[in-house]
Amino acid sequence: MNTILLGGLLGLVFGTLDIIPMYFMKGFDNKRTAMIAAFIERFSIGLLIGATQFPISTILQGLLISILISIPTALITKAYVPVLTTAVIGGAVIGFAVGQWGL
């Protein structure tokens, strides 16, 4: 499968999985805006992993891209562990998938 298409599809899955727990959270303002922003961020991670080619393994590429994109969110929200943990897991998984099944 085309790497950009695969990255985009996996980004849609990643974004959806990331916002599911947010739906059930209580006690923060602008929940809808936060969910939209989180979805766009995670979708962008998948799309960029599929669209780039660094001279390193695709897993490391996924980690690098996902961490770099997620750092601003972690700094703004001060939710370092959950934001960066999901970034590391999602970036590595998408990077692996793009490396295995992307053309």
C-alpha atoms as a PDB file:
ATOM      1  CA  MET A   1       0.000   0.000   0.000  1.00  0.00           C
ATOM      2  CA  ASN A   2       1.160   3.543  -0.654  1.00  0.00           C
ATOM      3  CA  THR A   3       2.979   4.811   2.453  1.00  0.00           C
ATOM      4  CA  ILE A   4       1.122   8.133   2.540  1.00  0.00           C
ATOM      5  CA  LEU A   5      -2.258   6.402   2.328  1.00  0.00           C
ATOM      6  CA  LEU A   6      -1.224   3.832   4.928  1.00  0.00           C
ATOM      7  CA  GLY A   7       0.086   6.549   7.244  1.00  0.00           C
ATOM      8  CA  GLY A   8      -3.121   8.537   6.816  1.00  0.00           C
ATOM      9  CA  LEU A   9      -5.322   5.529   7.551  1.00  0.00           C
ATOM     10  CA  LEU A  10      -3.268   4.597  10.593  1.00  0.00           C
ATOM     11  CA  GLY A  11      -3.386   8.248  11.689  1.00  0.00           C
ATOM     12  CA  LEU A  12      -7.188   8.107  11.558  1.00  0.00           C
ATOM     13  CA  VAL A  13      -7.136   5.002  13.745  1.00  0.00           C
ATOM     14  CA  PHE A  14      -4.578   6.554  16.117  1.00  0.00           C
ATOM     15  CA  GLY A  15      -6.606   9.759  16.407  1.00  0.00           C
ATOM     16  CA  THR A  16      -9.815   7.866  17.073  1.00  0.00           C
ATOM     17  CA  LEU A  17      -8.221   5.672  19.731  1.00  0.00           C
ATOM     18  CA  ASP A  18      -6.675   8.733  21.369  1.00  0.00           C
ATOM     19  CA  ILE A  19      -9.924  10.653  21.754  1.00  0.00           C
ATOM     20  CA  ILE A  20     -12.073   7.770  23.055  1.00  0.00           C
ATOM     21  CA  PRO A  21     -10.856   8.155  26.682  1.00  0.00           C
ATOM     22  CA  MET A  22     -11.261  11.939  26.429  1.00  0.00           C
ATOM     23  CA  TYR A  23     -14.954  11.490  25.683  1.00  0.00           C
ATOM     24  CA  PHE A  24     -15.493   9.961  29.130  1.00  0.00           C
ATOM     25  CA  MET A  25     -13.379  12.485  31.059  1.00  0.00           C
ATOM     26  CA  LYS A  26     -15.059  15.082  33.207  1.00  0.00           C
ATOM     27  CA  GLY A  27     -13.880  18.320  34.670  1.00  0.00           C
ATOM     28  CA  PHE A  28     -12.188  20.255  31.883  1.00  0.00           C
ATOM     29  CA  ASP A  29     -13.370  23.150  29.757  1.00  0.00           C
ATOM     30  CA  ASN A  30     -13.505  23.109  25.978  1.00  0.00           C
ATOM     31  CA  LYS A  31     -13.753  19.323  25.771  1.00  0.00           C
ATOM     32  CA  ARG A  32     -14.916  19.390  22.150  1.00  0.00           C
ATOM     33  CA  THR A  33     -12.042  21.652  21.100  1.00  0.00           C
ATOM     34  CA  ALA A  34      -9.522  19.494  22.959  1.00  0.00           C
ATOM     35  CA  MET A  35     -10.834  16.346  21.284  1.00  0.00           C
ATOM     36  CA  ILE A  36     -10.677  17.904  17.816  1.00  0.00           C
ATOM     37  CA  ALA A  37      -7.130  19.162  18.440  1.00  0.00           C
ATOM     38  CA  ALA A  38      -5.989  15.767  19.763  1.00  0.00           C
ATOM     39  CA  PHE A  39      -7.511  13.971  16.774  1.00  0.00           C
ATOM     40  CA  ILE A  40      -5.851  16.328  14.268  1.00  0.00           C
ATOM     41  CA  GLU A  41      -2.500  15.991  16.039  1.00  0.00           C
ATOM     42  CA  ARG A  42      -2.586  12.175  16.025  1.00  0.00           C
ATOM     43  CA  PHE A  43      -3.820  12.041  12.427  1.00  0.00           C
ATOM     44  CA  SER A  44      -0.982  14.378  11.426  1.00  0.00           C
ATOM     45  CA  ILE A  45       1.530  12.091  13.108  1.00  0.00           C
ATOM     46  CA  GLY A  46       0.376   9.130  11.021  1.00  0.00           C
ATOM     47  CA  LEU A  47       0.284  11.126   7.811  1.00  0.00           C
ATOM     48  CA  LEU A  48       3.770  12.563   8.342  1.00  0.00           C
ATOM     49  CA  ILE A  49       5.267   9.190   9.209  1.00  0.00           C
ATOM     50  CA  GLY A  50       3.898   7.840   5.943  1.00  0.00           C
ATOM     51  CA  ALA A  51       5.000  10.866   3.927  1.00  0.00           C
ATOM     52  CA  THR A  52       8.615  11.118   5.108  1.00  0.00           C
ATOM     53  CA  GLN A  53      11.676   9.018   4.470  1.00  0.00           C
ATOM     54  CA  PHE A  54      14.613   9.475   6.806  1.00  0.00           C
ATOM     55  CA  PRO A  55      17.809   7.425   6.512  1.00  0.00           C
ATOM     56  CA  ILE A  56      16.900   5.583   9.741  1.00  0.00           C
ATOM     57  CA  SER A  57      14.561   2.714  10.578  1.00  0.00           C
ATOM     58  CA  THR A  58      10.887   3.500  10.168  1.00  0.00           C
ATOM     59  CA  ILE A  59      10.278   2.734  13.847  1.00  0.00           C
ATOM     60  CA  LEU A  60      12.804   5.403  14.886  1.00  0.00           C
ATOM     61  CA  GLN A  61      11.329   7.729  12.292  1.00  0.00           C
ATOM     62  CA  GLY A  62       7.879   7.207  13.811  1.00  0.00           C
ATOM     63  CA  LEU A  63       9.202   7.837  17.309  1.00  0.00           C
ATOM     64  CA  LEU A  64      11.003  11.012  16.266  1.00  0.00           C
ATOM     65  CA  ILE A  65       8.055  12.485  14.383  1.00  0.00           C
ATOM     66  CA  SER A  66       5.486  11.605  17.044  1.00  0.00           C
ATOM     67  CA  ILE A  67       7.563  12.974  19.915  1.00  0.00           C
ATOM     68  CA  LEU A  68       8.391  16.212  18.089  1.00  0.00           C
ATOM     69  CA  ILE A  69       4.745  16.821  17.185  1.00  0.00           C
ATOM     70  CA  SER A  70       3.508  15.962  20.706  1.00  0.00           C
ATOM     71  CA  ILE A  71       5.961  18.022  22.779  1.00  0.00           C
ATOM     72  CA  PRO A  72       4.012  21.313  22.420  1.00  0.00           C
ATOM     73  CA  THR A  73       0.795  19.639  23.599  1.00  0.00           C
ATOM     74  CA  ALA A  74       2.593  18.061  26.547  1.00  0.00           C
ATOM     75  CA  LEU A  75       4.077  21.428  27.531  1.00  0.00           C
ATOM     76  CA  ILE A  76       0.784  23.320  27.232  1.00  0.00           C
ATOM     77  CA  THR A  77      -1.331  20.758  29.084  1.00  0.00           C
ATOM     78  CA  LYS A  78       1.388  19.722  31.565  1.00  0.00           C
ATOM     79  CA  ALA A  79       0.204  16.140  30.960  1.00  0.00           C
ATOM     80  CA  TYR A  80       3.677  14.964  29.992  1.00  0.00           C
ATOM     81  CA  VAL A  81       3.368  11.242  30.716  1.00  0.00           C
ATOM     82  CA  PRO A  82       0.045  10.464  29.000  1.00  0.00           C
ATOM     83  CA  VAL A  83       0.693  12.644  25.957  1.00  0.00           C
ATOM     84  CA  LEU A  84       4.243  11.446  25.345  1.00  0.00           C
ATOM     85  CA  THR A  85       3.470   7.816  26.199  1.00  0.00           C
ATOM     86  CA  THR A  86       0.718   7.613  23.604  1.00  0.00           C
ATOM     87  CA  ALA A  87       3.001   9.440  21.151  1.00  0.00           C
ATOM     88  CA  VAL A  88       5.791   6.900  21.644  1.00  0.00           C
ATOM     89  CA  ILE A  89       3.494   3.899  21.329  1.00  0.00           C
ATOM     90  CA  GLY A  90       1.530   5.246  18.376  1.00  0.00           C
ATOM     91  CA  GLY A  91       4.599   6.528  16.544  1.00  0.00           C
ATOM     92  CA  ALA A  92       6.455   3.241  16.929  1.00  0.00           C
ATOM     93  CA  VAL A  93       3.461   1.178  15.816  1.00  0.00           C
ATOM     94  CA  ILE A  94       2.740   3.379  12.799  1.00  0.00           C
ATOM     95  CA  GLY A  95       6.442   3.479  11.901  1.00  0.00           C
ATOM     96  CA  PHE A  96       6.619  -0.316  12.086  1.00  0.00           C
ATOM     97  CA  ALA A  97       3.478  -0.721   9.945  1.00  0.00           C
ATOM     98  CA  VAL A  98       4.687   1.744   7.326  1.00  0.00           C
ATOM     99  CA  GLY A  99       8.041  -0.035   7.181  1.00  0.00           C
ATOM    100  CA  GLN A 100       6.442  -3.462   6.843  1.00  0.00           C
ATOM    101  CA  TRP A 101       3.512  -2.825   4.522  1.00  0.00           C
ATOM    102  CA  GLY A 102       4.237   0.492   2.854  1.00  0.00           C
ATOM    103  CA  LEU A 103       5.455   0.630  -0.732  1.00  0.00           C
END
